[in-house]
Amino acid sequence: MDDMYNPNEPLMQKLRIVIRFSVRCMAVLMTMVIFWGVLDVAWEIFEKLRTPPVMLMTISDILATFGAFMAVLIAIEIFINITIYLRDDVIHVKIVMATALMAIARKVIILDFSLVSPEYMFATAALVFAMSIGYWLVVKNVETRTVSRKQVEKCFENPDECTVEDVHKNL
């Protein structure tokens, strides 16, 4: 077996340390983005409510506020993606697709239907439909196609004890 796939290979261990440090830095930066996003939402609401007519918001103001809220929620979803990456060392398709669906939902919520063409709306609807079906398929199959990290590590540590049948049985 190639040493690059061996988790005990020194270069791979050092590279994993660098990547994990980089992901931790991204988590800190994303936390700062979330904090600034919350402050921005609060400031925008304050500004909208203090401008005449005082304590009133127009529909466009409310939609813009919804968009700002959704942007913060998307940032939180991305932070969750980062922390899950740190925990499991794998990209979880389910959470990534959920984040993408939330980003699409944000776009639909803030969409000004008077300014977009029918083709754009149909394309957006097709995107929502396709992502929803993809998400449903992932959620439907996620429990039946999971191999734990411990099972994979067991195969690396004791390749003679790990057979193809054992792996296929878990899939």
C-alpha atoms as a PDB file:
ATOM      1  CA  MET A   1       0.000   0.000   0.000  1.00  0.00           C
ATOM      2  CA  ASP A   2       1.167   3.539  -0.757  1.00  0.00           C
ATOM      3  CA  ASP A   3       2.531   5.375   2.307  1.00  0.00           C
ATOM      4  CA  MET A   4       0.454   8.471   1.506  1.00  0.00           C
ATOM      5  CA  TYR A   5      -2.693   6.570   2.551  1.00  0.00           C
ATOM      6  CA  ASN A   6      -1.121   5.383   5.778  1.00  0.00           C
ATOM      7  CA  PRO A   7      -2.283   7.590   8.674  1.00  0.00           C
ATOM      8  CA  ASN A   8       0.967   6.845  10.542  1.00  0.00           C
ATOM      9  CA  GLU A   9       3.196   8.200   7.754  1.00  0.00           C
ATOM     10  CA  PRO A  10       5.123  11.225   9.225  1.00  0.00           C
ATOM     11  CA  LEU A  11       4.506  13.626   6.327  1.00  0.00           C
ATOM     12  CA  MET A  12       0.780  12.921   6.385  1.00  0.00           C
ATOM     13  CA  GLN A  13       0.676  13.479  10.148  1.00  0.00           C
ATOM     14  CA  LYS A  14       2.385  16.868   9.765  1.00  0.00           C
ATOM     15  CA  LEU A  15       0.080  17.866   6.923  1.00  0.00           C
ATOM     16  CA  ARG A  16      -2.969  16.910   8.977  1.00  0.00           C
ATOM     17  CA  ILE A  17      -1.685  19.114  11.820  1.00  0.00           C
ATOM     18  CA  VAL A  18      -1.322  22.057   9.411  1.00  0.00           C
ATOM     19  CA  ILE A  19      -4.797  21.488   7.968  1.00  0.00           C
ATOM     20  CA  ARG A  20      -6.411  21.148  11.393  1.00  0.00           C
ATOM     21  CA  PHE A  21      -4.724  24.386  12.498  1.00  0.00           C
ATOM     22  CA  SER A  22      -5.988  26.112   9.340  1.00  0.00           C
ATOM     23  CA  VAL A  23      -9.522  24.855   9.966  1.00  0.00           C
ATOM     24  CA  ARG A  24      -9.355  26.133  13.552  1.00  0.00           C
ATOM     25  CA  CYS A  25      -8.293  29.548  12.228  1.00  0.00           C
ATOM     26  CA  MET A  26     -11.257  29.477   9.848  1.00  0.00           C
ATOM     27  CA  ALA A  27     -13.564  28.666  12.790  1.00  0.00           C
ATOM     28  CA  VAL A  28     -12.274  31.680  14.703  1.00  0.00           C
ATOM     29  CA  LEU A  29     -12.672  33.926  11.657  1.00  0.00           C
ATOM     30  CA  MET A  30     -16.191  32.626  11.012  1.00  0.00           C
ATOM     31  CA  THR A  31     -17.104  33.325  14.645  1.00  0.00           C
ATOM     32  CA  MET A  32     -15.965  36.907  14.123  1.00  0.00           C
ATOM     33  CA  VAL A  33     -18.025  37.140  10.916  1.00  0.00           C
ATOM     34  CA  ILE A  34     -21.100  35.868  12.777  1.00  0.00           C
ATOM     35  CA  PHE A  35     -20.573  38.379  15.577  1.00  0.00           C
ATOM     36  CA  TRP A  36     -20.149  41.257  13.092  1.00  0.00           C
ATOM     37  CA  GLY A  37     -23.197  40.022  11.180  1.00  0.00           C
ATOM     38  CA  VAL A  38     -25.328  40.122  14.327  1.00  0.00           C
ATOM     39  CA  LEU A  39     -24.072  43.634  15.101  1.00  0.00           C
ATOM     40  CA  ASP A  40     -24.844  44.678  11.509  1.00  0.00           C
ATOM     41  CA  VAL A  41     -28.395  43.295  11.718  1.00  0.00           C
ATOM     42  CA  ALA A  42     -28.978  45.109  15.016  1.00  0.00           C
ATOM     43  CA  TRP A  43     -27.552  48.343  13.604  1.00  0.00           C
ATOM     44  CA  GLU A  44     -29.668  48.108  10.451  1.00  0.00           C
ATOM     45  CA  ILE A  45     -32.844  47.562  12.471  1.00  0.00           C
ATOM     46  CA  PHE A  46     -31.934  50.473  14.731  1.00  0.00           C
ATOM     47  CA  GLU A  47     -31.276  52.722  11.718  1.00  0.00           C
ATOM     48  CA  LYS A  48     -34.512  51.718   9.973  1.00  0.00           C
ATOM     49  CA  LEU A  49     -36.577  52.328  13.096  1.00  0.00           C
ATOM     50  CA  ARG A  50     -35.110  55.744  13.893  1.00  0.00           C
ATOM     51  CA  THR A  51     -35.507  57.259  10.431  1.00  0.00           C
ATOM     52  CA  PRO A  52     -38.842  58.944   9.639  1.00  0.00           C
ATOM     53  CA  PRO A  53     -41.444  57.617   9.893  1.00  0.00           C
ATOM     54  CA  VAL A  54     -40.063  56.625  13.286  1.00  0.00           C
ATOM     55  CA  MET A  55     -40.665  53.062  14.511  1.00  0.00           C
ATOM     56  CA  LEU A  56     -42.042  51.939  11.124  1.00  0.00           C
ATOM     57  CA  MET A  57     -40.473  49.695   8.553  1.00  0.00           C
ATOM     58  CA  THR A  58     -41.524  49.322   4.949  1.00  0.00           C
ATOM     59  CA  ILE A  59     -41.913  45.948   3.280  1.00  0.00           C
ATOM     60  CA  SER A  60     -38.583  46.430   1.504  1.00  0.00           C
ATOM     61  CA  ASP A  61     -36.947  47.225   4.866  1.00  0.00           C
ATOM     62  CA  ILE A  62     -38.404  44.052   6.357  1.00  0.00           C
ATOM     63  CA  LEU A  63     -37.238  41.950   3.404  1.00  0.00           C
ATOM     64  CA  ALA A  64     -33.757  43.465   3.650  1.00  0.00           C
ATOM     65  CA  THR A  65     -33.736  42.637   7.370  1.00  0.00           C
ATOM     66  CA  PHE A  66     -34.816  39.064   6.620  1.00  0.00           C
ATOM     67  CA  GLY A  67     -31.958  38.832   4.140  1.00  0.00           C
ATOM     68  CA  ALA A  68     -29.486  40.044   6.765  1.00  0.00           C
ATOM     69  CA  PHE A  69     -30.825  37.523   9.289  1.00  0.00           C
ATOM     70  CA  MET A  70     -30.503  34.735   6.725  1.00  0.00           C
ATOM     71  CA  ALA A  71     -26.930  35.780   5.936  1.00  0.00           C
ATOM     72  CA  VAL A  72     -26.044  35.373   9.628  1.00  0.00           C
ATOM     73  CA  LEU A  73     -27.822  32.007   9.746  1.00  0.00           C
ATOM     74  CA  ILE A  74     -25.862  30.869   6.680  1.00  0.00           C
ATOM     75  CA  ALA A  75     -22.647  31.945   8.408  1.00  0.00           C
ATOM     76  CA  ILE A  76     -23.688  29.856  11.425  1.00  0.00           C
ATOM     77  CA  GLU A  77     -24.306  26.868   9.140  1.00  0.00           C
ATOM     78  CA  ILE A  78     -20.849  27.325   7.623  1.00  0.00           C
ATOM     79  CA  PHE A  79     -19.386  27.458  11.143  1.00  0.00           C
ATOM     80  CA  ILE A  80     -21.164  24.164  11.895  1.00  0.00           C
ATOM     81  CA  ASN A  81     -19.636  22.717   8.714  1.00  0.00           C
ATOM     82  CA  ILE A  82     -16.190  23.777   9.933  1.00  0.00           C
ATOM     83  CA  THR A  83     -16.647  22.299  13.413  1.00  0.00           C
ATOM     84  CA  ILE A  84     -17.979  19.037  11.985  1.00  0.00           C
ATOM     85  CA  TYR A  85     -14.924  18.900   9.732  1.00  0.00           C
ATOM     86  CA  LEU A  86     -12.726  19.242  12.812  1.00  0.00           C
ATOM     87  CA  ARG A  87     -14.592  16.478  14.604  1.00  0.00           C
ATOM     88  CA  ASP A  88     -14.927  13.848  11.913  1.00  0.00           C
ATOM     89  CA  ASP A  89     -12.317  14.681   9.275  1.00  0.00           C
ATOM     90  CA  VAL A  90     -14.924  14.218   6.537  1.00  0.00           C
ATOM     91  CA  ILE A  91     -17.185  16.509   4.560  1.00  0.00           C
ATOM     92  CA  HIS A  92     -20.783  15.773   5.435  1.00  0.00           C
ATOM     93  CA  VAL A  93     -22.837  16.114   2.282  1.00  0.00           C
ATOM     94  CA  LYS A  94     -26.043  16.471   4.293  1.00  0.00           C
ATOM     95  CA  ILE A  95     -24.945  19.579   6.193  1.00  0.00           C
ATOM     96  CA  VAL A  96     -23.314  21.130   3.117  1.00  0.00           C
ATOM     97  CA  MET A  97     -26.512  20.650   1.125  1.00  0.00           C
ATOM     98  CA  ALA A  98     -28.568  22.066   3.998  1.00  0.00           C
ATOM     99  CA  THR A  99     -26.352  25.161   3.946  1.00  0.00           C
ATOM    100  CA  ALA A 100     -26.797  25.464   0.187  1.00  0.00           C
ATOM    101  CA  LEU A 101     -30.566  25.167   0.580  1.00  0.00           C
ATOM    102  CA  MET A 102     -30.521  27.905   3.199  1.00  0.00           C
ATOM    103  CA  ALA A 103     -28.510  30.156   0.862  1.00  0.00           C
ATOM    104  CA  ILE A 104     -31.014  29.509  -1.931  1.00  0.00           C
ATOM    105  CA  ALA A 105     -33.891  30.219   0.471  1.00  0.00           C
ATOM    106  CA  ARG A 106     -32.239  33.529   1.396  1.00  0.00           C
ATOM    107  CA  LYS A 107     -32.028  34.433  -2.281  1.00  0.00           C
ATOM    108  CA  VAL A 108     -35.700  33.584  -2.805  1.00  0.00           C
ATOM    109  CA  ILE A 109     -36.769  35.581   0.280  1.00  0.00           C
ATOM    110  CA  ILE A 110     -34.960  38.761  -0.773  1.00  0.00           C
ATOM    111  CA  LEU A 111     -35.801  38.367  -4.468  1.00  0.00           C
ATOM    112  CA  ASP A 112     -37.609  41.391  -5.920  1.00  0.00           C
ATOM    113  CA  PHE A 113     -40.048  39.764  -8.304  1.00  0.00           C
ATOM    114  CA  SER A 114     -40.709  43.025 -10.110  1.00  0.00           C
ATOM    115  CA  LEU A 115     -37.070  43.217 -11.241  1.00  0.00           C
ATOM    116  CA  VAL A 116     -36.346  39.644 -12.363  1.00  0.00           C
ATOM    117  CA  SER A 117     -37.288  37.949 -15.597  1.00  0.00           C
ATOM    118  CA  PRO A 118     -39.551  34.898 -15.762  1.00  0.00           C
ATOM    119  CA  GLU A 119     -36.569  32.837 -16.972  1.00  0.00           C
ATOM    120  CA  TYR A 120     -34.644  33.757 -13.830  1.00  0.00           C
ATOM    121  CA  MET A 121     -37.577  32.742 -11.642  1.00  0.00           C
ATOM    122  CA  PHE A 122     -37.950  29.401 -13.477  1.00  0.00           C
ATOM    123  CA  ALA A 123     -34.223  28.758 -13.150  1.00  0.00           C
ATOM    124  CA  THR A 124     -34.387  29.550  -9.428  1.00  0.00           C
ATOM    125  CA  ALA A 125     -37.380  27.245  -9.027  1.00  0.00           C
ATOM    126  CA  ALA A 126     -35.511  24.467 -10.860  1.00  0.00           C
ATOM    127  CA  LEU A 127     -32.502  24.984  -8.581  1.00  0.00           C
ATOM    128  CA  VAL A 128     -34.670  24.817  -5.448  1.00  0.00           C
ATOM    129  CA  PHE A 129     -36.380  21.685  -6.760  1.00  0.00           C
ATOM    130  CA  ALA A 130     -33.100  19.969  -7.712  1.00  0.00           C
ATOM    131  CA  MET A 131     -31.402  20.806  -4.396  1.00  0.00           C
ATOM    132  CA  SER A 132     -34.469  19.669  -2.453  1.00  0.00           C
ATOM    133  CA  ILE A 133     -34.538  16.330  -4.234  1.00  0.00           C
ATOM    134  CA  GLY A 134     -30.789  15.934  -3.735  1.00  0.00           C
ATOM    135  CA  TYR A 135     -31.103  16.753  -0.041  1.00  0.00           C
ATOM    136  CA  TRP A 136     -34.000  14.326   0.332  1.00  0.00           C
ATOM    137  CA  LEU A 137     -31.957  11.570  -1.331  1.00  0.00           C
ATOM    138  CA  VAL A 138     -28.976  12.240   0.920  1.00  0.00           C
ATOM    139  CA  VAL A 139     -31.112  12.277   4.079  1.00  0.00           C
ATOM    140  CA  LYS A 140     -32.946   9.143   2.967  1.00  0.00           C
ATOM    141  CA  ASN A 141     -29.713   7.220   2.394  1.00  0.00           C
ATOM    142  CA  VAL A 142     -27.422   8.694   5.048  1.00  0.00           C
ATOM    143  CA  GLU A 143     -28.142   6.059   7.692  1.00  0.00           C
ATOM    144  CA  THR A 144     -27.780   3.132   5.309  1.00  0.00           C
ATOM    145  CA  ARG A 145     -24.417   4.109   3.769  1.00  0.00           C
ATOM    146  CA  THR A 146     -22.240   5.039   6.730  1.00  0.00           C
ATOM    147  CA  VAL A 147     -18.851   3.655   7.633  1.00  0.00           C
ATOM    148  CA  SER A 148     -17.504   4.945  10.914  1.00  0.00           C
ATOM    149  CA  ARG A 149     -14.065   6.472  11.257  1.00  0.00           C
ATOM    150  CA  LYS A 150     -13.167   3.776  13.784  1.00  0.00           C
ATOM    151  CA  GLN A 151     -13.930   1.092  11.197  1.00  0.00           C
ATOM    152  CA  VAL A 152     -11.673   2.803   8.674  1.00  0.00           C
ATOM    153  CA  GLU A 153      -8.876   3.214  11.247  1.00  0.00           C
ATOM    154  CA  LYS A 154      -9.268  -0.455  12.173  1.00  0.00           C
ATOM    155  CA  CYS A 155      -8.676  -1.364   8.541  1.00  0.00           C
ATOM    156  CA  PHE A 156      -5.510   0.797   8.443  1.00  0.00           C
ATOM    157  CA  GLU A 157      -4.173  -0.615  11.705  1.00  0.00           C
ATOM    158  CA  ASN A 158      -4.959  -4.270  10.976  1.00  0.00           C
ATOM    159  CA  PRO A 159      -5.464  -4.731   7.242  1.00  0.00           C
ATOM    160  CA  ASP A 160      -5.485  -8.519   7.609  1.00  0.00           C
ATOM    161  CA  GLU A 161      -8.517  -8.359   9.906  1.00  0.00           C
ATOM    162  CA  CYS A 162     -10.459  -6.036   7.603  1.00  0.00           C
ATOM    163  CA  THR A 163     -11.991  -7.746   4.611  1.00  0.00           C
ATOM    164  CA  VAL A 164     -13.857  -6.339   1.648  1.00  0.00           C
ATOM    165  CA  GLU A 165     -16.953  -8.191   2.844  1.00  0.00           C
ATOM    166  CA  ASP A 166     -16.812  -6.360   6.206  1.00  0.00           C
ATOM    167  CA  VAL A 167     -16.696  -2.987   4.461  1.00  0.00           C
ATOM    168  CA  HIS A 168     -19.501  -3.885   2.026  1.00  0.00           C
ATOM    169  CA  LYS A 169     -21.600  -5.194   4.898  1.00  0.00           C
ATOM    170  CA  ASN A 170     -21.513  -1.707   6.471  1.00  0.00           C
ATOM    171  CA  LEU A 171     -22.401  -0.039   3.191  1.00  0.00           C
END
